[in-house]
Amino acid sequence: MVVVGVLLVRRDWRWLDGLLRSPRQLLLLTAATLLITLNWGCFIIAVTSGHTLQSSLAYFMNPLVSVALGMLVLRERLSRAQWVAVALGVVAVAVLALDYDTPPWLAIAMALAFAGYGLLKKSVRLDGVQSLAAETAIMFLPGTAVVVYLESTGSGTFLSVSPTHSLLLVGTGVLTAVPLMLFGAAAQRLPLSMVGLLQFIAPVMHFLIAWLVFGEELSAVRWFGFVVVWAALAVFVVDMLGRTRRASRPPRAAAPEPTAEPG
């Protein structure tokens, strides 16, 4: 409803014809839709099963995965500092896998899915609102079928708990749609590495909520793993800021060539 409302205000529907005539764009959007569905499905499982720390780890890993995809798929060159950051990220996942007795699959799936989503969104020739509208349309029938099934079997809670509960569920849709529209717009305007850099804000919030609000256990090994991830991000951020500062400097004026004096 949020996306439809924005499109109605903009009176912007001409892009639909071009989209329907482009099988490649439809395929890219379908793949992006499946990836963001996988990402949010794993996120919901992590939060509702007491593994919010894994969701935090996923979004800490995501900038590093985005950088790796930028290198492997878009042929973006990595600096020495970015190589160090990616290597530290790999070490962190290995350390946390030892503490969990198994690789943190939810975190890995979320990071890979969202980084892949950003990569595909960069290739779609639609703005944030248009692409999100198309993704919502693609998932409308499957999503509706799931909701109907859950409600009919008594597993759903949309209308069976309280009006406040139902409004909160609707509110989560708004809180999901707005950031995704902004993300879609940013993914087309910024290098994939910069998109990854800006996403480290969310995992900090996830980490604090898991630790301070949900009271999830943080063993010494998990603390160490997260510290390694933060070190990787620190290296990445310092390198990115340095690149931005150098790019913003005006070019030096060439020194004037000496003129020959008349003899």
Protein backbone atom coordinates (compact mmCIF):
# COMPACT_ATOMS: atom_id res chain seq x y z
CA MET A 1 0.00 0.00 0.00
CA VAL A 2 2.85 2.39 0.75
CA VAL A 3 4.42 1.81 -2.66
CA VAL A 4 1.08 2.11 -4.48
CA GLY A 5 0.37 5.34 -2.61
CA VAL A 6 3.71 6.83 -3.69
CA LEU A 7 3.10 5.81 -7.30
CA LEU A 8 -0.39 7.34 -7.24
CA VAL A 9 1.03 10.61 -5.96
CA ARG A 10 3.74 10.59 -8.62
CA ARG A 11 1.30 9.42 -11.35
CA ASP A 12 4.14 7.32 -12.64
CA TRP A 13 3.03 4.22 -14.52
CA ARG A 14 4.77 4.50 -17.91
CA TRP A 15 7.72 2.42 -16.72
CA LEU A 16 5.47 -0.65 -16.53
CA ASP A 17 5.25 -0.96 -20.31
CA GLY A 18 9.01 -0.89 -20.71
CA LEU A 19 9.45 -3.42 -17.91
CA LEU A 20 6.96 -5.88 -19.37
CA ARG A 21 8.75 -5.66 -22.72
CA SER A 22 12.13 -6.52 -21.19
CA PRO A 23 12.52 -10.18 -20.16
CA ARG A 24 16.01 -9.43 -18.83
CA GLN A 25 14.76 -6.75 -16.45
CA LEU A 26 11.92 -9.01 -15.31
CA LEU A 27 14.38 -11.83 -14.65
CA LEU A 28 16.69 -9.52 -12.67
CA LEU A 29 13.77 -8.22 -10.59
CA THR A 30 12.48 -11.74 -9.94
CA ALA A 31 15.91 -12.84 -8.77
CA ALA A 32 16.21 -9.73 -6.57
CA THR A 33 12.78 -10.45 -5.11
CA LEU A 34 13.75 -14.02 -4.22
CA LEU A 35 16.97 -12.82 -2.58
CA ILE A 36 15.30 -10.15 -0.43
CA THR A 37 12.61 -12.68 0.53
CA LEU A 38 15.34 -15.10 1.62
CA ASN A 39 17.06 -12.32 3.56
CA TRP A 40 13.95 -11.28 5.45
CA GLY A 41 12.87 -14.87 6.04
CA CYS A 42 16.21 -15.65 7.69
CA PHE A 43 16.02 -12.40 9.65
CA ILE A 44 12.57 -13.28 11.03
CA ILE A 45 13.76 -16.77 11.98
CA ALA A 46 16.86 -15.34 13.69
CA VAL A 47 14.94 -12.77 15.75
CA THR A 48 12.06 -15.05 16.74
CA SER A 49 14.34 -17.98 17.65
CA GLY A 50 16.66 -16.05 19.95
CA HIS A 51 19.51 -15.56 17.45
CA THR A 52 19.41 -11.80 16.97
CA LEU A 53 23.21 -11.76 17.28
CA GLN A 54 23.34 -13.72 14.03
CA SER A 55 21.29 -11.03 12.32
CA SER A 56 23.77 -8.49 13.67
CA LEU A 57 26.69 -10.55 12.38
CA ALA A 58 24.99 -10.83 8.98
CA TYR A 59 24.80 -7.08 8.50
CA PHE A 60 28.32 -6.60 9.82
CA MET A 61 29.46 -9.08 7.17
CA ASN A 62 27.34 -7.54 4.42
CA PRO A 63 29.66 -4.62 3.54
CA LEU A 64 32.54 -7.04 3.17
CA VAL A 65 30.46 -9.38 0.98
CA SER A 66 29.36 -6.39 -1.12
CA VAL A 67 33.00 -5.43 -1.64
CA ALA A 68 33.85 -9.00 -2.66
CA LEU A 69 30.96 -9.08 -5.15
CA GLY A 70 32.00 -5.72 -6.54
CA MET A 71 35.44 -7.18 -7.20
CA LEU A 72 34.31 -10.55 -8.59
CA VAL A 73 31.32 -9.44 -10.67
CA LEU A 74 31.76 -5.74 -11.46
CA ARG A 75 35.57 -5.91 -11.68
CA GLU A 76 35.94 -3.18 -9.08
CA ARG A 77 39.53 -3.03 -7.85
CA LEU A 78 40.24 -3.56 -4.17
CA SER A 79 42.85 -1.56 -2.34
CA ARG A 80 45.30 -3.24 0.01
CA ALA A 81 43.22 -2.06 2.99
CA GLN A 82 40.05 -3.56 1.51
CA TRP A 83 41.81 -6.89 1.03
CA VAL A 84 42.81 -6.77 4.71
CA ALA A 85 39.20 -5.99 5.69
CA VAL A 86 37.80 -8.91 3.69
CA ALA A 87 40.41 -11.28 5.15
CA LEU A 88 39.54 -10.17 8.69
CA GLY A 89 35.87 -10.80 7.91
CA VAL A 90 36.67 -14.36 6.88
CA VAL A 91 38.63 -14.88 10.11
CA ALA A 92 35.70 -13.53 12.16
CA VAL A 93 33.24 -15.96 10.57
CA ALA A 94 35.64 -18.84 11.24
CA VAL A 95 36.02 -17.84 14.89
CA LEU A 96 32.26 -17.51 15.41
CA ALA A 97 31.69 -20.85 13.68
CA LEU A 98 33.88 -22.48 16.35
CA ASP A 99 31.77 -20.94 19.11
CA TYR A 100 28.47 -21.97 17.50
CA ASP A 101 29.83 -25.51 16.83
CA THR A 102 28.58 -24.97 13.29
CA PRO A 103 28.89 -22.13 10.80
CA PRO A 104 26.38 -19.33 11.55
CA TRP A 105 24.24 -20.28 8.57
CA LEU A 106 21.52 -17.71 9.20
CA ALA A 107 24.07 -14.90 9.23
CA ILE A 108 25.86 -16.21 6.14
CA ALA A 109 22.60 -16.64 4.20
CA MET A 110 21.40 -13.15 5.15
CA ALA A 111 24.70 -11.51 4.19
CA LEU A 112 24.96 -13.30 0.84
CA ALA A 113 21.30 -12.68 -0.02
CA PHE A 114 21.35 -8.97 0.77
CA ALA A 115 24.67 -8.34 -0.97
CA GLY A 116 23.34 -10.17 -4.02
CA TYR A 117 20.17 -8.11 -3.83
CA GLY A 118 22.23 -4.91 -3.92
CA LEU A 119 24.20 -6.19 -6.90
CA LEU A 120 21.05 -6.97 -8.88
CA LYS A 121 19.42 -3.67 -7.96
CA LYS A 122 22.42 -1.89 -9.44
CA SER A 123 21.64 -3.54 -12.79
CA VAL A 124 17.91 -2.73 -12.85
CA ARG A 125 16.94 0.37 -14.84
CA LEU A 126 14.23 1.50 -12.42
CA ASP A 127 14.28 3.91 -9.52
CA GLY A 128 13.75 2.80 -5.93
CA VAL A 129 9.96 3.14 -5.88
CA GLN A 130 9.45 1.51 -9.26
CA SER A 131 11.68 -1.49 -8.58
CA LEU A 132 10.16 -2.06 -5.14
CA ALA A 133 6.67 -1.88 -6.67
CA ALA A 134 7.66 -4.53 -9.19
CA GLU A 135 9.17 -6.73 -6.46
CA THR A 136 6.02 -6.38 -4.36
CA ALA A 137 3.86 -7.32 -7.34
CA ILE A 138 6.01 -10.40 -8.02
CA MET A 139 5.61 -11.61 -4.43
CA PHE A 140 1.98 -10.53 -3.98
CA LEU A 141 0.30 -13.80 -4.92
CA PRO A 142 2.82 -16.10 -3.18
CA GLY A 143 2.77 -13.88 -0.09
CA THR A 144 -1.01 -13.75 -0.02
CA ALA A 145 -1.18 -17.53 -0.34
CA VAL A 146 1.14 -17.94 2.66
CA VAL A 147 -0.91 -15.53 4.79
CA VAL A 148 -4.19 -17.24 3.84
CA TYR A 149 -2.69 -20.65 4.67
CA LEU A 150 -1.40 -19.50 8.05
CA GLU A 151 -4.68 -17.85 9.01
CA SER A 152 -6.76 -20.82 7.85
CA THR A 153 -4.65 -23.29 9.85
CA GLY A 154 -4.64 -21.16 12.99
CA SER A 155 -0.91 -20.45 12.79
CA GLY A 156 -1.33 -16.82 11.76
CA THR A 157 -1.78 -13.95 14.20
CA PHE A 158 -2.82 -11.08 11.95
CA LEU A 159 -6.48 -10.92 13.03
CA SER A 160 -6.55 -13.28 15.99
CA VAL A 161 -4.62 -11.45 18.74
CA SER A 162 -5.68 -7.82 19.05
CA PRO A 163 -6.21 -4.69 16.93
CA THR A 164 -2.94 -3.30 18.27
CA HIS A 165 -1.11 -6.46 17.21
CA SER A 166 -2.60 -6.21 13.71
CA LEU A 167 -1.61 -2.54 13.42
CA LEU A 168 1.93 -3.37 14.50
CA LEU A 169 2.16 -6.02 11.78
CA VAL A 170 0.96 -3.48 9.21
CA GLY A 171 3.50 -1.02 10.58
CA THR A 172 6.32 -3.46 9.93
CA GLY A 173 5.36 -3.31 6.25
CA VAL A 174 5.79 0.46 6.25
CA LEU A 175 9.11 0.20 8.08
CA THR A 176 10.26 -2.33 5.48
CA ALA A 177 9.05 -0.51 2.36
CA VAL A 178 10.55 2.93 3.02
CA PRO A 179 14.15 1.76 3.64
CA LEU A 180 13.99 -0.58 0.64
CA MET A 181 12.85 2.29 -1.62
CA LEU A 182 15.74 4.41 -0.39
CA PHE A 183 18.15 1.49 -0.75
CA GLY A 184 17.04 0.89 -4.34
CA ALA A 185 17.64 4.55 -5.18
CA ALA A 186 21.08 4.55 -3.53
CA ALA A 187 22.19 1.29 -5.16
CA GLN A 188 21.90 2.87 -8.62
CA ARG A 189 23.72 6.07 -7.71
CA LEU A 190 26.65 4.84 -5.63
CA PRO A 191 29.50 2.34 -6.11
CA LEU A 192 28.62 -1.04 -4.64
CA SER A 193 31.50 -0.69 -2.19
CA MET A 194 30.05 2.58 -0.87
CA VAL A 195 26.59 0.98 -0.55
CA GLY A 196 28.18 -1.70 1.58
CA LEU A 197 29.97 0.87 3.74
CA LEU A 198 26.77 2.71 4.64
CA GLN A 199 25.11 -0.46 5.84
CA PHE A 200 27.22 -0.96 8.95
CA ILE A 201 24.83 1.28 10.94
CA ALA A 202 22.08 -1.37 11.12
CA PRO A 203 24.17 -4.19 12.63
CA VAL A 204 25.31 -1.92 15.46
CA MET A 205 21.65 -1.46 16.39
CA HIS A 206 21.00 -5.21 16.05
CA PHE A 207 23.97 -5.99 18.28
CA LEU A 208 22.90 -3.57 21.00
CA ILE A 209 19.31 -4.84 20.96
CA ALA A 210 20.43 -8.48 21.14
CA TRP A 211 22.83 -7.74 23.99
CA LEU A 212 21.03 -5.07 26.04
CA VAL A 213 17.35 -5.75 25.31
CA PHE A 214 17.06 -9.48 24.54
CA GLY A 215 19.92 -10.49 26.86
CA GLU A 216 21.50 -12.95 24.42
CA GLU A 217 24.66 -14.65 25.68
CA LEU A 218 27.97 -13.21 24.54
CA SER A 219 30.79 -15.61 25.28
CA ALA A 220 34.43 -14.55 25.14
CA VAL A 221 34.79 -16.20 21.72
CA ARG A 222 31.78 -14.32 20.36
CA TRP A 223 33.14 -11.04 21.72
CA PHE A 224 36.43 -11.80 19.98
CA GLY A 225 34.66 -12.64 16.71
CA PHE A 226 32.69 -9.42 16.75
CA VAL A 227 35.81 -7.42 17.62
CA VAL A 228 37.53 -8.89 14.55
CA VAL A 229 34.54 -7.87 12.41
CA TRP A 230 34.64 -4.37 13.85
CA ALA A 231 38.36 -4.19 13.13
CA ALA A 232 37.64 -5.17 9.51
CA LEU A 233 35.02 -2.47 9.23
CA ALA A 234 37.35 0.09 10.81
CA VAL A 235 40.01 -0.69 8.20
CA PHE A 236 37.38 -0.46 5.47
CA VAL A 237 35.93 2.83 6.71
CA VAL A 238 39.33 4.51 7.11
CA ASP A 239 40.31 3.43 3.59
CA MET A 240 37.01 4.65 2.12
CA LEU A 241 37.23 8.01 3.88
CA GLY A 242 40.77 8.42 2.64
CA ARG A 243 39.69 7.70 -0.93
CA THR A 244 36.79 10.14 -0.65
CA ARG A 245 39.07 12.87 0.72
CA ARG A 246 41.61 12.38 -2.06
CA ALA A 247 38.90 12.39 -4.73
CA SER A 248 37.45 15.67 -3.41
CA ARG A 249 40.78 17.53 -3.62
CA PRO A 250 41.03 19.89 -6.59
CA PRO A 251 43.69 18.87 -9.10
CA ARG A 252 46.94 20.72 -8.86
CA ALA A 253 47.51 23.32 -11.54
CA ALA A 254 50.31 22.46 -13.88
CA ALA A 255 53.39 24.60 -13.49
CA PRO A 256 53.81 27.07 -16.36
CA GLU A 257 56.50 26.15 -18.85
CA PRO A 258 59.51 28.46 -18.82
CA THR A 259 59.61 30.82 -21.74
CA ALA A 260 62.77 31.35 -23.69
CA GLU A 261 64.30 34.77 -23.11
CA PRO A 262 65.16 36.75 -26.22
CA GLY A 263 68.87 36.50 -26.95
